[in-house]
Amino acid sequence: MAHFPWPTATATGIGSLPGTDMAEALRVVFGELPDLPHQPELPARGPGADMIGRAAGLLVDIAVDLQPSGWRLVDRPGVDLRRTRDMVERDLDALLEVGGHYHGLFKIQVTGPWSLAASVELTRGHKVVADTGATRDLAQSLAEGVAGYAGRVRARLPRAELVVQWDEPLLPAVLAGTVPTPSGYGTVRAVEESVACDILREGIDAVPDAVPVVHCCAPGAPLHLMRNAGAEAVAFDAGYLPDDEVMGQAIEEGTGLWLGIVPSTDPGFRLEPKRLADRARDLWRRLGFANDLLARQVVITPACGMANATPAYARTALAAARDAARELAE
């Protein structure tokens, strides 16, 4: 039987939360998700707090700056990059304050190399992903930066076991050749799956003593690639799951499934943990697996980040994810 590092009946968050107070966000996460809390992202704080800005701030020996069109590679660091890096360090200080004595699994998130390359621009305005050499340089820089960031997290939480979630929402577009060019009239050529896999694997391998998870909340998530790159678990919005046969093979071979079944924004009705759990049971039954594996192999999550939710709903949703996970063990 496959071993999973998280406890039976576990829930976690995907990444972003509403608000601007990191210490308060961490208190919510540690309170509502005791088995697998995570370092929240708070995009409402402005440029550099979003998933692209935070990842760009981790790059080693590559500088970025914020332009009207988004983040762009530049020759030397400027005020935008300094602000982003300062924000990360303040977040780590808040993590020490709130969770310094925590013992257990703890998750950090980072934008994966392909979604970052499809979002950040070269100095001449094209996306990095359009240039093979620039993409490799960016990916190597990101891998080094994530390894360093993981070390700084461990320094704050010395008794925690680290999980690294690589967010790749644009990976399907990269593989399909649908990333738009700056003009909007064309698209960047498709990247071969083997190349995409190798570069994602290099990032995962850069943090060898962490549990690697790859998250894709977009349609067409390449589950086979994600697993071949080294993911021990894959995370999906339950509304955009891969083909049943592909899913079934991955589960049978011991891949963990992080299932996004809790709405990321208020759906206008009361969240009932039993009904949420029943969605996971229905999927499990459809795939043909025994119920006794469900609560071990599946982690319950929100469908995606919750930056657009209200603070009250975000807390409710995390609690509902936790309670739905516990329902799976009943």
Protein backbone atom coordinates (compact mmCIF):
# COMPACT_ATOMS: atom_id res chain seq x y z
CA MET A 1 0.00 0.00 0.00
CA ALA A 2 1.27 3.50 -0.88
CA HIS A 3 2.45 5.74 1.93
CA PHE A 4 1.07 9.26 2.19
CA PRO A 5 2.79 11.83 4.42
CA TRP A 6 -0.42 13.55 5.52
CA PRO A 7 -2.70 12.11 8.22
CA THR A 8 -5.95 10.35 7.39
CA ALA A 9 -8.81 12.80 6.76
CA THR A 10 -6.73 15.85 5.92
CA ALA A 11 -7.68 19.16 4.34
CA THR A 12 -5.57 22.12 3.26
CA GLY A 13 -5.82 25.42 1.43
CA ILE A 14 -4.65 26.10 -2.10
CA GLY A 15 -2.91 29.44 -1.59
CA SER A 16 -4.46 32.89 -1.65
CA LEU A 17 -6.77 34.36 0.96
CA PRO A 18 -8.50 37.74 1.24
CA GLY A 19 -7.18 40.55 3.41
CA THR A 20 -3.86 42.25 4.04
CA ASP A 21 -2.84 41.05 7.53
CA MET A 22 -0.50 38.06 7.20
CA ALA A 23 -0.42 37.28 10.93
CA GLU A 24 -4.21 37.11 11.03
CA ALA A 25 -4.32 34.97 7.88
CA LEU A 26 -1.84 32.56 9.44
CA ARG A 27 -3.89 32.34 12.62
CA VAL A 28 -6.92 31.39 10.52
CA VAL A 29 -4.95 28.77 8.58
CA PHE A 30 -3.37 27.17 11.64
CA GLY A 31 -6.72 27.22 13.42
CA GLU A 32 -8.91 25.79 10.66
CA LEU A 33 -6.40 23.44 8.97
CA PRO A 34 -4.50 21.83 11.85
CA ASP A 35 -3.18 18.84 9.89
CA LEU A 36 -1.79 20.70 6.88
CA PRO A 37 -1.63 24.49 7.25
CA HIS A 38 -0.01 26.60 4.55
CA GLN A 39 1.68 29.94 4.01
CA PRO A 40 -1.14 32.11 2.62
CA GLU A 41 -0.76 34.56 -0.23
CA LEU A 42 -2.56 37.90 0.18
CA PRO A 43 -2.82 39.54 -3.26
CA ALA A 44 -4.93 42.38 -1.85
CA ARG A 45 -1.71 43.89 -0.49
CA GLY A 46 -0.82 44.97 -4.02
CA PRO A 47 1.94 44.32 -6.58
CA GLY A 48 4.35 41.64 -5.47
CA ALA A 49 1.80 39.91 -3.26
CA ASP A 50 0.28 38.03 -6.21
CA MET A 51 1.49 34.56 -7.20
CA ILE A 52 3.54 35.82 -10.17
CA GLY A 53 5.14 38.65 -8.23
CA ARG A 54 6.02 36.43 -5.27
CA ALA A 55 7.67 33.84 -7.52
CA ALA A 56 9.51 36.52 -9.48
CA GLY A 57 10.82 37.85 -6.18
CA LEU A 58 12.44 34.48 -5.46
CA LEU A 59 14.53 34.48 -8.65
CA VAL A 60 18.28 34.34 -8.14
CA ASP A 61 20.50 36.61 -10.26
CA ILE A 62 17.53 37.61 -12.42
CA ALA A 63 15.80 40.93 -11.82
CA VAL A 64 12.22 41.88 -12.66
CA ASP A 65 10.24 45.09 -12.60
CA LEU A 66 6.53 45.81 -12.78
CA GLN A 67 5.39 47.37 -16.06
CA PRO A 68 1.84 48.34 -17.13
CA SER A 69 1.64 45.00 -18.95
CA GLY A 70 2.94 42.97 -16.00
CA TRP A 71 6.26 41.71 -14.65
CA ARG A 72 9.24 42.08 -17.01
CA LEU A 73 12.89 41.06 -16.90
CA VAL A 74 15.24 44.02 -16.37
CA ASP A 75 18.98 44.58 -16.04
CA ARG A 76 19.05 45.52 -12.36
CA PRO A 77 16.74 45.31 -9.33
CA GLY A 78 14.40 48.22 -8.73
CA VAL A 79 11.88 49.33 -6.16
CA ASP A 80 9.22 46.79 -7.21
CA LEU A 81 11.54 43.84 -6.68
CA ARG A 82 12.81 45.19 -3.36
CA ARG A 83 9.24 45.64 -2.15
CA THR A 84 8.35 42.10 -3.18
CA ARG A 85 11.35 40.58 -1.42
CA ASP A 86 10.75 42.66 1.71
CA MET A 87 7.16 41.40 1.78
CA VAL A 88 8.31 37.78 1.67
CA GLU A 89 10.67 38.36 4.58
CA ARG A 90 7.96 40.06 6.63
CA ASP A 91 5.69 37.12 5.91
CA LEU A 92 8.36 34.76 7.22
CA ASP A 93 8.63 36.84 10.39
CA ALA A 94 4.85 36.53 10.83
CA LEU A 95 5.15 32.78 10.29
CA LEU A 96 7.68 32.53 13.10
CA GLU A 97 5.47 34.60 15.38
CA VAL A 98 2.30 32.61 14.76
CA GLY A 99 3.55 29.11 14.05
CA GLY A 100 7.10 28.87 15.34
CA HIS A 101 6.26 25.94 17.64
CA TYR A 102 4.23 24.03 15.05
CA HIS A 103 5.05 20.36 14.55
CA GLY A 104 3.73 18.59 11.44
CA LEU A 105 3.30 19.11 7.71
CA PHE A 106 3.43 22.68 6.44
CA LYS A 107 2.89 23.77 2.86
CA ILE A 108 4.32 26.57 0.78
CA GLN A 109 3.19 27.44 -2.74
CA VAL A 110 5.17 28.79 -5.67
CA THR A 111 4.29 29.50 -9.27
CA GLY A 112 5.80 26.76 -11.40
CA PRO A 113 8.40 27.48 -14.09
CA TRP A 114 6.01 27.22 -17.04
CA SER A 115 3.28 29.44 -15.64
CA LEU A 116 5.94 31.95 -14.59
CA ALA A 117 7.58 31.88 -18.04
CA ALA A 118 4.16 32.33 -19.66
CA SER A 119 3.45 35.37 -17.47
CA VAL A 120 6.75 37.28 -17.24
CA GLU A 121 7.97 39.30 -20.22
CA LEU A 122 11.40 39.54 -21.77
CA THR A 123 12.95 43.00 -21.98
CA ARG A 124 11.63 43.38 -25.54
CA GLY A 125 8.07 42.56 -24.48
CA HIS A 126 7.58 38.94 -25.60
CA LYS A 127 6.77 36.29 -23.01
CA VAL A 128 9.77 34.45 -21.63
CA VAL A 129 8.20 31.17 -22.74
CA ALA A 130 8.74 32.23 -26.36
CA ASP A 131 12.53 31.99 -25.88
CA THR A 132 13.85 28.50 -25.08
CA GLY A 133 17.11 29.70 -23.58
CA ALA A 134 15.47 32.39 -21.47
CA THR A 135 12.93 29.87 -20.20
CA ARG A 136 15.66 27.51 -19.05
CA ASP A 137 17.53 30.35 -17.34
CA LEU A 138 14.34 31.48 -15.60
CA ALA A 139 13.51 27.93 -14.49
CA GLN A 140 16.99 27.34 -13.09
CA SER A 141 16.90 30.65 -11.26
CA LEU A 142 13.47 29.84 -9.85
CA ALA A 143 14.58 26.38 -8.71
CA GLU A 144 17.50 27.90 -6.82
CA GLY A 145 15.28 30.58 -5.35
CA VAL A 146 12.64 28.11 -4.17
CA ALA A 147 15.32 25.95 -2.53
CA GLY A 148 16.55 29.01 -0.64
CA TYR A 149 13.03 30.04 0.31
CA ALA A 150 12.31 26.53 1.61
CA GLY A 151 15.38 26.80 3.78
CA ARG A 152 14.19 30.10 5.24
CA VAL A 153 10.79 28.58 5.99
CA ARG A 154 12.47 25.67 7.77
CA ALA A 155 14.48 28.10 9.85
CA ARG A 156 11.19 29.52 11.16
CA LEU A 157 9.50 26.13 11.55
CA PRO A 158 12.32 23.77 12.51
CA ARG A 159 9.94 20.99 13.64
CA ALA A 160 7.81 21.02 10.47
CA GLU A 161 7.97 18.75 7.44
CA LEU A 162 7.73 20.83 4.29
CA VAL A 163 5.34 20.39 1.37
CA VAL A 164 6.04 22.40 -1.80
CA GLN A 165 3.07 23.01 -4.08
CA TRP A 166 4.02 24.04 -7.61
CA ASP A 167 1.18 26.05 -9.17
CA GLU A 168 0.93 25.50 -12.92
CA PRO A 169 -2.39 26.97 -14.11
CA LEU A 170 -0.90 27.93 -17.50
CA LEU A 171 0.80 24.61 -18.22
CA PRO A 172 -2.09 23.34 -20.42
CA ALA A 173 -1.87 26.54 -22.50
CA VAL A 174 1.90 26.18 -22.82
CA LEU A 175 1.53 22.62 -24.10
CA ALA A 176 -1.34 23.52 -26.43
CA GLY A 177 0.40 26.56 -27.91
CA THR A 178 -2.34 28.98 -26.81
CA VAL A 179 -0.27 31.45 -24.75
CA PRO A 180 -0.95 34.80 -26.52
CA THR A 181 1.80 36.95 -27.99
CA PRO A 182 2.03 40.62 -26.84
CA SER A 183 -0.06 41.80 -29.78
CA GLY A 184 -2.85 39.39 -28.94
CA TYR A 185 -3.08 38.35 -32.58
CA GLY A 186 -0.88 35.29 -32.33
CA THR A 187 0.22 32.61 -29.90
CA VAL A 188 3.54 31.24 -28.68
CA ARG A 189 4.44 27.91 -30.25
CA ALA A 190 3.63 24.81 -28.22
CA VAL A 191 6.26 23.30 -25.94
CA GLU A 192 6.95 19.58 -26.22
CA GLU A 193 5.68 17.58 -23.27
CA SER A 194 9.07 15.99 -22.65
CA VAL A 195 10.72 19.41 -22.41
CA ALA A 196 8.00 20.71 -20.11
CA CYS A 197 8.37 17.66 -17.90
CA ASP A 198 12.16 17.97 -17.65
CA ILE A 199 12.05 21.62 -16.61
CA LEU A 200 9.30 21.08 -14.05
CA ARG A 201 11.26 18.13 -12.65
CA GLU A 202 14.35 20.29 -12.19
CA GLY A 203 12.35 22.61 -9.95
CA ILE A 204 10.91 19.75 -7.91
CA ASP A 205 14.35 18.13 -7.57
CA ALA A 206 15.80 21.37 -6.21
CA VAL A 207 13.94 20.78 -2.92
CA PRO A 208 14.57 17.04 -2.47
CA ASP A 209 13.58 16.81 1.18
CA ALA A 210 10.10 18.27 0.67
CA VAL A 211 6.89 16.56 -0.43
CA PRO A 212 6.21 17.75 -4.01
CA VAL A 213 2.68 18.55 -5.16
CA VAL A 214 1.71 19.99 -8.55
CA HIS A 215 -1.49 22.02 -8.75
CA CYS A 216 -3.39 22.90 -11.93
CA CYS A 217 -6.86 24.43 -11.68
CA ALA A 218 -7.32 24.80 -15.46
CA PRO A 219 -9.01 22.43 -17.92
CA GLY A 220 -6.69 19.97 -19.63
CA ALA A 221 -4.29 19.45 -16.75
CA PRO A 222 -1.51 17.09 -17.96
CA LEU A 223 -1.67 14.52 -15.18
CA HIS A 224 0.82 12.15 -16.81
CA LEU A 225 3.40 14.94 -17.13
CA MET A 226 2.84 16.12 -13.56
CA ARG A 227 3.48 12.64 -12.22
CA ASN A 228 6.52 12.05 -14.42
CA ALA A 229 8.00 15.31 -13.18
CA GLY A 230 7.99 13.87 -9.67
CA ALA A 231 4.71 14.95 -8.08
CA GLU A 232 3.72 12.74 -5.16
CA ALA A 233 0.28 14.34 -5.24
CA VAL A 234 -1.69 16.32 -7.81
CA ALA A 235 -4.22 19.03 -7.02
CA PHE A 236 -7.23 19.86 -9.21
CA ASP A 237 -10.42 21.86 -9.20
CA ALA A 238 -13.06 19.12 -9.03
CA GLY A 239 -14.79 20.77 -11.99
CA TYR A 240 -11.74 20.23 -14.24
CA LEU A 241 -10.60 16.71 -13.51
CA PRO A 242 -8.62 14.70 -16.05
CA ASP A 243 -10.09 11.70 -17.82
CA ASP A 244 -11.31 8.94 -15.48
CA GLU A 245 -8.99 6.34 -16.96
CA VAL A 246 -5.93 8.55 -16.50
CA MET A 247 -7.05 9.48 -13.00
CA GLY A 248 -7.69 5.87 -12.09
CA GLN A 249 -4.24 4.77 -13.20
CA ALA A 250 -2.56 7.53 -11.20
CA ILE A 251 -4.50 6.67 -8.06
CA GLU A 252 -3.87 2.96 -8.48
CA GLU A 253 -0.14 3.65 -8.72
CA GLY A 254 -0.17 5.59 -5.45
CA THR A 255 -0.43 9.24 -6.44
CA GLY A 256 -2.19 11.40 -3.88
CA LEU A 257 -5.23 13.36 -5.05
CA TRP A 258 -5.93 16.83 -3.67
CA LEU A 259 -9.52 17.42 -4.61
CA GLY A 260 -10.87 20.97 -4.87
CA ILE A 261 -14.52 20.55 -3.95
CA VAL A 262 -15.12 23.60 -1.74
CA PRO A 263 -16.21 26.71 -3.73
CA SER A 264 -13.55 29.43 -3.72
CA THR A 265 -16.13 32.21 -3.36
CA ASP A 266 -19.46 32.26 -1.55
CA PRO A 267 -21.91 30.12 -3.57
CA GLY A 268 -24.88 31.64 -1.81
CA PHE A 269 -25.83 28.53 0.11
CA ARG A 270 -24.65 26.86 3.30
CA LEU A 271 -21.65 24.58 2.93
CA GLU A 272 -22.52 21.14 4.30
CA PRO A 273 -19.45 18.98 4.96
CA LYS A 274 -21.36 15.74 4.36
CA ARG A 275 -22.51 16.84 0.91
CA LEU A 276 -18.97 17.95 0.05
CA ALA A 277 -17.64 14.59 1.21
CA ASP A 278 -20.28 12.82 -0.86
CA ARG A 279 -18.83 14.46 -3.99
CA ALA A 280 -15.49 12.87 -3.20
CA ARG A 281 -17.16 9.52 -2.47
CA ASP A 282 -19.04 9.65 -5.76
CA LEU A 283 -15.82 10.23 -7.67
CA TRP A 284 -14.04 7.47 -5.80
CA ARG A 285 -16.88 5.06 -6.45
CA ARG A 286 -16.95 6.00 -10.14
CA LEU A 287 -13.24 5.27 -10.42
CA GLY A 288 -13.78 1.88 -8.79
CA PHE A 289 -11.72 2.18 -5.61
CA ALA A 290 -12.43 0.89 -2.13
CA ASN A 291 -13.74 3.41 0.38
CA ASP A 292 -11.09 2.48 2.94
CA LEU A 293 -8.44 4.23 0.78
CA LEU A 294 -10.39 7.43 0.26
CA ALA A 295 -9.58 9.29 3.47
CA ARG A 296 -5.89 8.33 3.20
CA GLN A 297 -5.23 9.15 -0.43
CA VAL A 298 -7.48 12.19 -0.93
CA VAL A 299 -6.90 15.63 0.61
CA ILE A 300 -9.85 18.03 0.51
CA THR A 301 -9.19 21.61 -0.65
CA PRO A 302 -10.98 24.66 -1.97
CA ALA A 303 -11.41 24.64 -5.75
CA CYS A 304 -8.64 27.24 -6.10
CA GLY A 305 -7.30 30.32 -4.33
CA MET A 306 -9.72 32.46 -2.34
CA ALA A 307 -8.39 35.97 -2.87
CA ASN A 308 -11.82 37.10 -4.12
CA ALA A 309 -13.76 35.70 -1.18
CA THR A 310 -14.79 37.66 1.90
CA PRO A 311 -12.73 37.01 5.05
CA ALA A 312 -15.76 35.46 6.73
CA TYR A 313 -16.42 33.11 3.84
CA ALA A 314 -12.75 32.13 3.56
CA ARG A 315 -12.74 31.01 7.18
CA THR A 316 -16.03 29.14 6.66
CA ALA A 317 -14.70 27.43 3.52
CA LEU A 318 -11.50 26.23 5.21
CA ALA A 319 -13.52 24.88 8.13
CA ALA A 320 -15.87 23.14 5.70
CA ALA A 321 -12.90 21.55 3.90
CA ARG A 322 -11.57 20.28 7.23
CA ASP A 323 -14.93 18.88 8.30
CA ALA A 324 -15.58 17.31 4.89
CA ALA A 325 -12.21 15.53 5.10
CA ARG A 326 -13.17 14.16 8.49
CA GLU A 327 -16.47 12.95 7.04
CA LEU A 328 -14.47 10.79 4.63
CA ALA A 329 -13.17 8.78 7.55
CA GLU A 330 -16.63 8.08 8.94
